[in-house]
Protein backbone atom coordinates (compact mmCIF):
# COMPACT_ATOMS: atom_id res chain seq x y z
CA MET A 1 116.35 117.41 132.10
CA ILE A 2 112.57 117.25 131.95
CA ILE A 3 110.10 118.17 134.68
CA ALA A 4 106.62 116.64 134.52
CA LEU A 5 104.00 118.87 136.14
CA ASN A 6 100.97 117.79 138.14
CA LYS A 7 97.86 117.92 136.00
CA ASN A 8 95.87 120.37 138.13
CA ALA A 9 98.78 122.41 139.43
CA PRO A 10 98.05 126.13 139.99
CA GLU A 11 99.34 128.23 137.10
CA LYS A 12 100.92 130.75 139.48
CA GLU A 13 103.12 128.09 141.05
CA ILE A 14 104.20 126.83 137.62
CA GLU A 15 105.12 130.38 136.61
CA LEU A 16 107.11 130.73 139.84
CA LEU A 17 109.04 127.53 139.07
CA ILE A 18 109.79 128.65 135.50
CA ARG A 19 110.99 132.04 136.72
CA ASP A 20 113.22 130.35 139.31
CA LEU A 21 114.78 128.08 136.67
CA ARG A 22 115.39 130.92 134.23
CA GLN A 23 117.01 132.99 136.94
CA GLN A 24 119.44 130.10 137.39
CA GLY A 25 120.37 130.41 133.71
CA PHE A 26 118.36 127.58 132.20
CA GLN A 27 116.43 127.76 128.96
CA VAL A 28 112.91 126.50 129.75
CA THR A 29 110.40 125.23 127.20
CA ARG A 30 106.88 124.20 128.20
CA VAL A 31 105.11 121.47 126.23
CA PRO A 32 101.39 120.75 126.80
CA SER A 33 100.36 117.11 127.16
CA LYS A 34 97.18 115.14 127.76
CA HIS A 35 98.51 113.73 131.03
CA HIS A 36 101.22 116.01 132.41
CA ASP A 37 102.54 119.25 130.97
CA VAL A 38 106.32 119.03 130.66
CA LEU A 39 109.11 121.56 131.18
CA GLY A 40 112.25 120.94 129.15
CA LEU A 41 115.48 122.39 130.55
CA ASP A 42 118.53 123.22 128.49
CA GLY A 43 121.79 124.15 130.16
CA GLU A 44 124.19 122.67 132.71
CA THR A 45 121.46 120.65 134.43
CA GLU A 46 124.00 118.46 136.22
CA LEU A 47 124.42 121.39 138.64
CA LEU A 48 120.70 121.50 139.41
CA ASP A 49 119.47 120.14 142.75
CA GLU A 50 116.59 117.74 142.00
CA LYS A 51 115.34 117.84 145.59
CA ARG A 52 114.89 121.58 145.35
CA ILE A 53 112.80 121.16 142.19
CA LYS A 54 110.70 118.41 143.72
CA ALA A 55 109.89 120.73 146.64
CA TYR A 56 107.51 122.60 144.34
CA GLU A 57 104.04 121.13 144.76
CA CYS A 58 103.36 121.55 141.04
CA VAL A 59 106.11 119.04 140.17
CA HIS A 60 105.10 115.45 139.49
CA GLU A 61 108.43 113.96 138.39
CA VAL A 62 111.99 114.98 137.46
CA GLN A 63 114.01 113.03 134.88
CA ARG A 64 117.51 113.54 133.56
CA ILE A 65 118.00 112.92 129.86
CA THR A 66 121.30 111.29 128.95
CA ALA A 67 120.94 111.67 125.17
CA PRO A 68 122.48 114.88 123.75
CA TYR A 69 119.17 115.84 122.12
CA LYS A 70 116.39 117.12 124.37
CA LEU A 71 113.58 118.77 122.44
CA ALA A 72 113.36 115.93 119.89
CA ASN A 73 113.51 113.34 122.68
CA ARG A 74 110.41 111.22 123.31
CA GLN A 75 111.07 111.51 127.06
CA TYR A 76 110.55 115.23 126.70
CA HIS A 77 107.50 114.87 124.44
CA PRO A 78 105.91 111.42 125.06
CA GLU A 79 103.10 111.84 122.54
CA ASP A 80 103.69 111.62 118.79
CA SER A 81 104.02 114.95 117.04
CA VAL A 82 101.59 115.33 114.15
CA ILE A 83 102.85 117.86 111.60
CA ASP A 84 100.30 119.82 109.58
CA VAL A 85 101.36 120.52 105.99
CA ALA A 86 98.73 122.78 104.42
CA GLY A 87 95.95 120.76 106.06
CA ILE A 88 97.54 117.33 105.52
CA LYS A 89 98.55 115.73 108.82
CA ILE A 90 101.67 113.56 108.99
CA GLY A 91 102.58 111.37 111.97
CA GLY A 92 100.93 109.69 114.94
CA ASN A 93 98.06 107.45 113.91
CA GLU A 94 97.26 109.54 110.84
CA PRO A 95 96.98 107.75 107.47
CA VAL A 96 100.16 107.23 105.47
CA VAL A 97 100.91 110.17 103.16
CA LEU A 98 102.15 109.68 99.60
CA ILE A 99 104.19 112.40 97.88
CA GLY A 100 104.95 112.09 94.17
CA GLY A 101 106.55 114.11 91.42
CA PRO A 102 109.68 114.54 89.30
CA CYS A 103 113.22 114.94 90.54
CA SER A 104 113.39 118.28 88.73
CA VAL A 105 110.92 120.78 87.37
CA GLU A 106 111.93 120.92 83.70
CA ASN A 107 109.21 123.07 82.14
CA ARG A 108 105.60 124.07 82.65
CA ASP A 109 104.03 121.29 80.54
CA GLN A 110 106.10 118.62 82.28
CA ILE A 111 105.24 119.59 85.84
CA PHE A 112 101.54 120.17 85.07
CA THR A 113 101.28 116.78 83.33
CA ILE A 114 103.00 114.89 86.16
CA ALA A 115 101.05 116.78 88.84
CA GLU A 116 97.76 115.64 87.33
CA GLN A 117 99.04 112.07 86.95
CA VAL A 118 100.32 111.65 90.51
CA LYS A 119 97.11 113.11 91.92
CA HIS A 120 95.06 110.67 89.86
CA ALA A 121 97.22 107.81 91.16
CA GLY A 122 96.70 108.76 94.82
CA ALA A 123 99.42 111.22 95.82
CA VAL A 124 98.30 114.02 98.15
CA MET A 125 101.42 116.19 97.75
CA LEU A 126 103.56 117.20 94.78
CA ARG A 127 107.36 117.15 94.89
CA GLY A 128 109.74 118.81 92.45
CA GLY A 129 113.25 120.21 92.56
CA ALA A 130 113.95 123.76 91.40
CA TYR A 131 117.33 124.39 93.04
CA LYS A 132 119.31 121.22 92.37
CA PRO A 133 122.44 120.12 94.27
CA ARG A 134 124.40 118.12 91.68
CA THR A 135 127.73 116.35 92.04
CA SER A 136 128.84 117.65 88.65
CA PRO A 137 128.85 121.39 87.93
CA TYR A 138 127.94 120.51 84.33
CA ALA A 139 124.72 118.67 85.25
CA PHE A 140 121.30 120.33 85.12
CA GLN A 141 121.14 122.73 88.07
CA GLY A 142 117.38 123.32 88.00
CA LEU A 143 115.19 126.22 86.87
CA ARG A 144 115.66 127.91 90.26
CA SER A 145 113.08 130.66 90.94
CA GLU A 146 111.23 129.95 87.69
CA GLY A 147 110.95 126.30 88.76
CA ILE A 148 109.48 127.25 92.14
CA HIS A 149 106.82 129.37 90.47
CA GLU A 150 105.94 126.64 87.94
CA LEU A 151 105.76 124.06 90.76
CA ALA A 152 103.57 126.32 92.89
CA GLU A 153 101.24 126.95 89.97
CA ALA A 154 100.96 123.22 89.25
CA GLY A 155 100.21 122.68 92.93
CA ARG A 156 97.43 125.24 92.87
CA HIS A 157 96.06 123.75 89.64
CA THR A 158 95.79 120.28 91.17
CA GLN A 159 95.17 121.46 94.76
CA LEU A 160 98.27 119.59 95.94
CA PRO A 161 100.63 121.08 98.55
CA ILE A 162 104.18 121.24 97.20
CA VAL A 163 107.56 119.99 98.44
CA SER A 164 110.88 121.37 97.20
CA GLU A 165 114.49 121.46 98.34
CA LEU A 166 116.03 124.57 99.87
CA MET A 167 119.81 124.84 99.46
CA SER A 168 120.55 128.27 100.91
CA ALA A 169 119.06 130.57 103.52
CA GLU A 170 119.10 133.40 100.98
CA HIS A 171 116.09 131.74 99.27
CA LEU A 172 114.16 131.09 102.48
CA GLU A 173 111.79 134.02 101.98
CA GLU A 174 110.84 132.70 98.53
CA PHE A 175 110.20 129.23 99.97
CA GLU A 176 108.15 130.59 102.85
CA LYS A 177 105.91 132.29 100.31
CA HIS A 178 105.46 129.45 97.81
CA VAL A 179 106.49 126.06 99.29
CA ASP A 180 104.35 124.09 101.76
CA LEU A 181 106.99 121.59 102.94
CA ILE A 182 110.62 122.73 102.80
CA GLN A 183 113.02 119.88 102.08
CA ILE A 184 116.59 119.92 103.36
CA GLY A 185 118.73 117.55 101.34
CA ALA A 186 121.33 115.06 102.51
CA ARG A 187 124.23 117.37 101.68
CA ASN A 188 122.82 120.13 103.89
CA MET A 189 121.79 117.99 106.86
CA GLN A 190 124.68 119.46 108.89
CA ASN A 191 124.62 122.95 107.43
CA PHE A 192 124.08 124.35 110.91
CA GLU A 193 123.63 127.99 109.90
CA LEU A 194 120.89 126.93 107.48
CA LEU A 195 119.28 124.76 110.17
CA LYS A 196 119.23 127.68 112.60
CA ALA A 197 117.65 129.89 109.93
CA LEU A 198 114.90 127.27 109.47
CA GLY A 199 114.11 127.67 113.15
CA LYS A 200 112.91 131.21 112.42
CA THR A 201 110.10 129.97 110.18
CA LYS A 202 107.07 127.93 111.16
CA LYS A 203 106.97 126.15 107.80
CA PRO A 204 107.25 122.34 108.13
CA ILE A 205 110.71 120.96 107.36
CA LEU A 206 111.47 117.61 105.68
CA LEU A 207 114.95 116.79 106.97
CA LYS A 208 116.77 114.19 104.90
CA ARG A 209 119.47 112.02 106.44
CA GLY A 210 123.01 112.71 105.37
CA MET A 211 124.51 110.01 103.18
CA ALA A 212 127.11 109.05 105.80
CA ASN A 213 125.50 110.23 109.04
CA THR A 214 124.48 108.29 112.11
CA ILE A 215 120.94 108.40 113.43
CA GLU A 216 122.06 110.43 116.45
CA GLU A 217 123.74 113.03 114.22
CA TRP A 218 120.53 113.21 112.20
CA ILE A 219 118.44 113.75 115.33
CA MET A 220 120.86 116.45 116.47
CA SER A 221 120.24 118.29 113.18
CA ALA A 222 116.52 118.21 113.92
CA GLU A 223 117.37 119.50 117.41
CA TYR A 224 119.03 122.55 115.82
CA ILE A 225 115.80 123.45 114.03
CA ILE A 226 113.56 122.83 117.06
CA ALA A 227 115.89 124.63 119.48
CA SER A 228 115.86 127.63 117.13
CA GLY A 229 112.08 127.86 117.40
CA ASN A 230 110.49 125.59 114.77
CA PRO A 231 109.03 122.30 116.12
CA ASN A 232 107.62 121.22 112.74
CA VAL A 233 110.26 118.73 111.65
CA ILE A 234 109.75 115.50 109.69
CA PHE A 235 112.61 113.02 109.23
CA CYS A 236 113.25 111.58 105.76
CA GLU A 237 115.29 108.39 105.42
CA ARG A 238 116.89 108.39 101.95
CA GLY A 239 119.53 105.71 102.28
CA ILE A 240 123.14 105.85 103.41
CA ARG A 241 126.39 105.20 101.59
CA THR A 242 127.84 101.74 102.22
CA PHE A 243 130.19 99.37 100.38
CA GLU A 244 127.26 97.90 98.38
CA LYS A 245 127.27 98.74 94.65
CA TYR A 246 124.06 97.11 93.42
CA THR A 247 122.02 100.07 94.68
CA ARG A 248 122.75 103.79 94.72
CA ASN A 249 122.56 103.82 98.53
CA THR A 250 121.50 101.37 101.25
CA LEU A 251 118.01 101.99 102.61
CA ASP A 252 118.19 101.79 106.41
CA LEU A 253 114.69 100.67 107.37
CA THR A 254 115.82 100.12 110.97
CA SER A 255 115.99 103.89 111.31
CA ILE A 256 112.17 104.02 111.31
CA PRO A 257 111.51 102.10 114.55
CA ILE A 258 114.60 103.63 116.15
CA LEU A 259 113.43 107.17 115.41
CA LYS A 260 109.94 106.27 116.64
CA GLU A 261 111.43 104.99 119.90
CA LYS A 262 113.90 107.81 120.50
CA THR A 263 111.90 110.79 119.19
CA HIS A 264 108.32 111.98 118.77
CA LEU A 265 108.73 113.21 115.19
CA PRO A 266 107.22 111.67 112.01
CA VAL A 267 109.31 109.65 109.54
CA VAL A 268 109.00 109.68 105.75
CA VAL A 269 110.99 107.34 103.48
CA ASP A 270 112.47 108.10 100.05
CA PRO A 271 112.79 104.76 98.21
CA SER A 272 113.83 106.48 94.97
CA HIS A 273 117.14 108.00 96.09
CA SER A 274 117.92 105.11 98.40
CA THR A 275 117.80 102.49 95.63
CA GLY A 276 118.60 104.61 92.58
CA ASP A 277 116.69 102.09 90.47
CA TYR A 278 112.98 102.19 89.63
CA ARG A 279 112.82 98.37 89.76
CA TYR A 280 113.28 98.33 93.53
CA VAL A 281 111.14 101.32 94.50
CA GLU A 282 107.88 99.38 94.85
CA SER A 283 109.24 96.68 97.18
CA MET A 284 111.07 99.19 99.37
CA SER A 285 107.95 101.36 99.57
CA MET A 286 105.90 98.45 100.88
CA ALA A 287 108.65 97.50 103.32
CA ALA A 288 108.85 101.07 104.62
CA ILE A 289 105.13 101.19 105.37
CA ALA A 290 105.34 97.80 107.08
CA ALA A 291 108.19 99.17 109.22
CA GLY A 292 106.04 102.10 110.37
CA ALA A 293 106.82 104.96 107.97
CA ASP A 294 104.37 107.87 108.10
CA GLY A 295 104.81 108.66 104.43
CA LEU A 296 106.68 108.07 101.19
CA ILE A 297 108.25 110.56 98.79
CA ILE A 298 108.63 109.00 95.34
CA GLU A 299 110.01 110.28 92.07
CA VAL A 300 107.57 110.01 89.15
CA HIS A 301 108.18 111.05 85.54
CA HIS A 302 106.00 110.48 82.47
CA ASN A 303 109.07 110.18 80.26
CA PRO A 304 111.99 109.07 82.49
CA GLU A 305 114.18 108.15 79.51
CA CYS A 306 114.41 111.87 78.70
CA ALA A 307 114.42 113.22 82.28
CA LEU A 308 117.03 115.89 82.97
CA SER A 309 117.90 114.24 86.31
CA ASP A 310 117.48 110.84 87.99
CA GLY A 311 115.38 109.24 85.27
CA SER A 312 116.67 105.77 86.19
CA GLN A 313 115.01 105.89 89.62
CA SER A 314 111.75 107.51 88.48
CA LEU A 315 108.52 105.54 88.14
CA LYS A 316 106.20 106.03 85.21
CA PRO A 317 102.73 107.17 86.34
CA GLU A 318 101.11 103.78 85.72
CA LYS A 319 103.76 102.04 87.85
CA PHE A 320 103.26 104.63 90.55
CA GLU A 321 99.53 103.93 90.57
CA LYS A 322 100.19 100.19 90.98
CA LEU A 323 102.57 100.96 93.84
CA VAL A 324 99.91 103.07 95.57
CA ASN A 325 97.39 100.24 95.34
CA LYS A 326 99.82 97.68 96.79
CA CYS A 327 100.91 100.03 99.58
CA ARG A 328 97.27 100.65 100.44
CA ILE A 329 96.83 96.94 101.22
CA ILE A 330 99.72 97.02 103.71
CA ALA A 331 98.59 100.29 105.28
CA ASP A 332 95.06 98.92 105.68
CA ALA A 333 96.42 95.78 107.33
CA LEU A 334 98.17 98.03 109.86
CA GLU A 335 94.87 99.85 110.41
CA ARG A 336 96.35 103.13 109.18
CA GLY A 337 95.25 103.36 105.59
CA ILE A 338 96.55 105.80 102.99
CA ARG A 339 95.26 109.34 102.87
């Protein structure tokens, strides 16, 4: 349930209403808004008497939310959330954000070289995996803590905020210290203990969709993080597993307008993992921006033939630069532009 408050309502009366609701056992969250501040209620709201709530003069409107998610719901938060990642704003009417970098941090020279190249091409954030979830236990597992430090140093060198994937809550302190945007991969989208731990930090979270999860399940994972105290969540569509074999996954571009309709959170698209083939990354990137994506996260490698992971879906820097220029045309046509 959400309660919209009158714009000029006395603060004392609002506090009285909140105290009344909490005494009845409801969890109450207040969200400021340009038009009407909103109270979000969590609990068995079906037992709540709406007429009693409306008796408070500070109340403008009472609405029941039928969807299982409340805090991520656009009814609860009508205005777009704009997430600040080290000074770069993502969401709302902000320019489209481009994130580039290798699948894995392989060594210092590699990540420094690619960081400089993606910045030159137009990326405003640097991605790189240090802790790698791999299907095979014999595949490259990442440089782990060493990789995080090399990535952070490359980010400082190029003045690019960094994005990296967190696999376990035991490394959260390290990520809070060094990583600007914490990525949660598809395999951990429903790792609920990890999601609750992320609610204890204020670091922005890039939440990837599980490879076989519905949009509602994905939103519910975001709800876990927000309900645990961290509202800074960004969705990342990375393709879902279907019967199709010509691509690694199937990029669900319909998720973008659906998420925009149902929630207030930004949406970033990963055309690299969704296609699994560098040949299709450019076209899917342009399509994602046309569909309303707030950003793209793209794998770039200066020598993909020798990459230790996902070389087949990585763009060479010159192809990435061409992609940026083409995407800029579409973003400009939508009057958003690229940051």
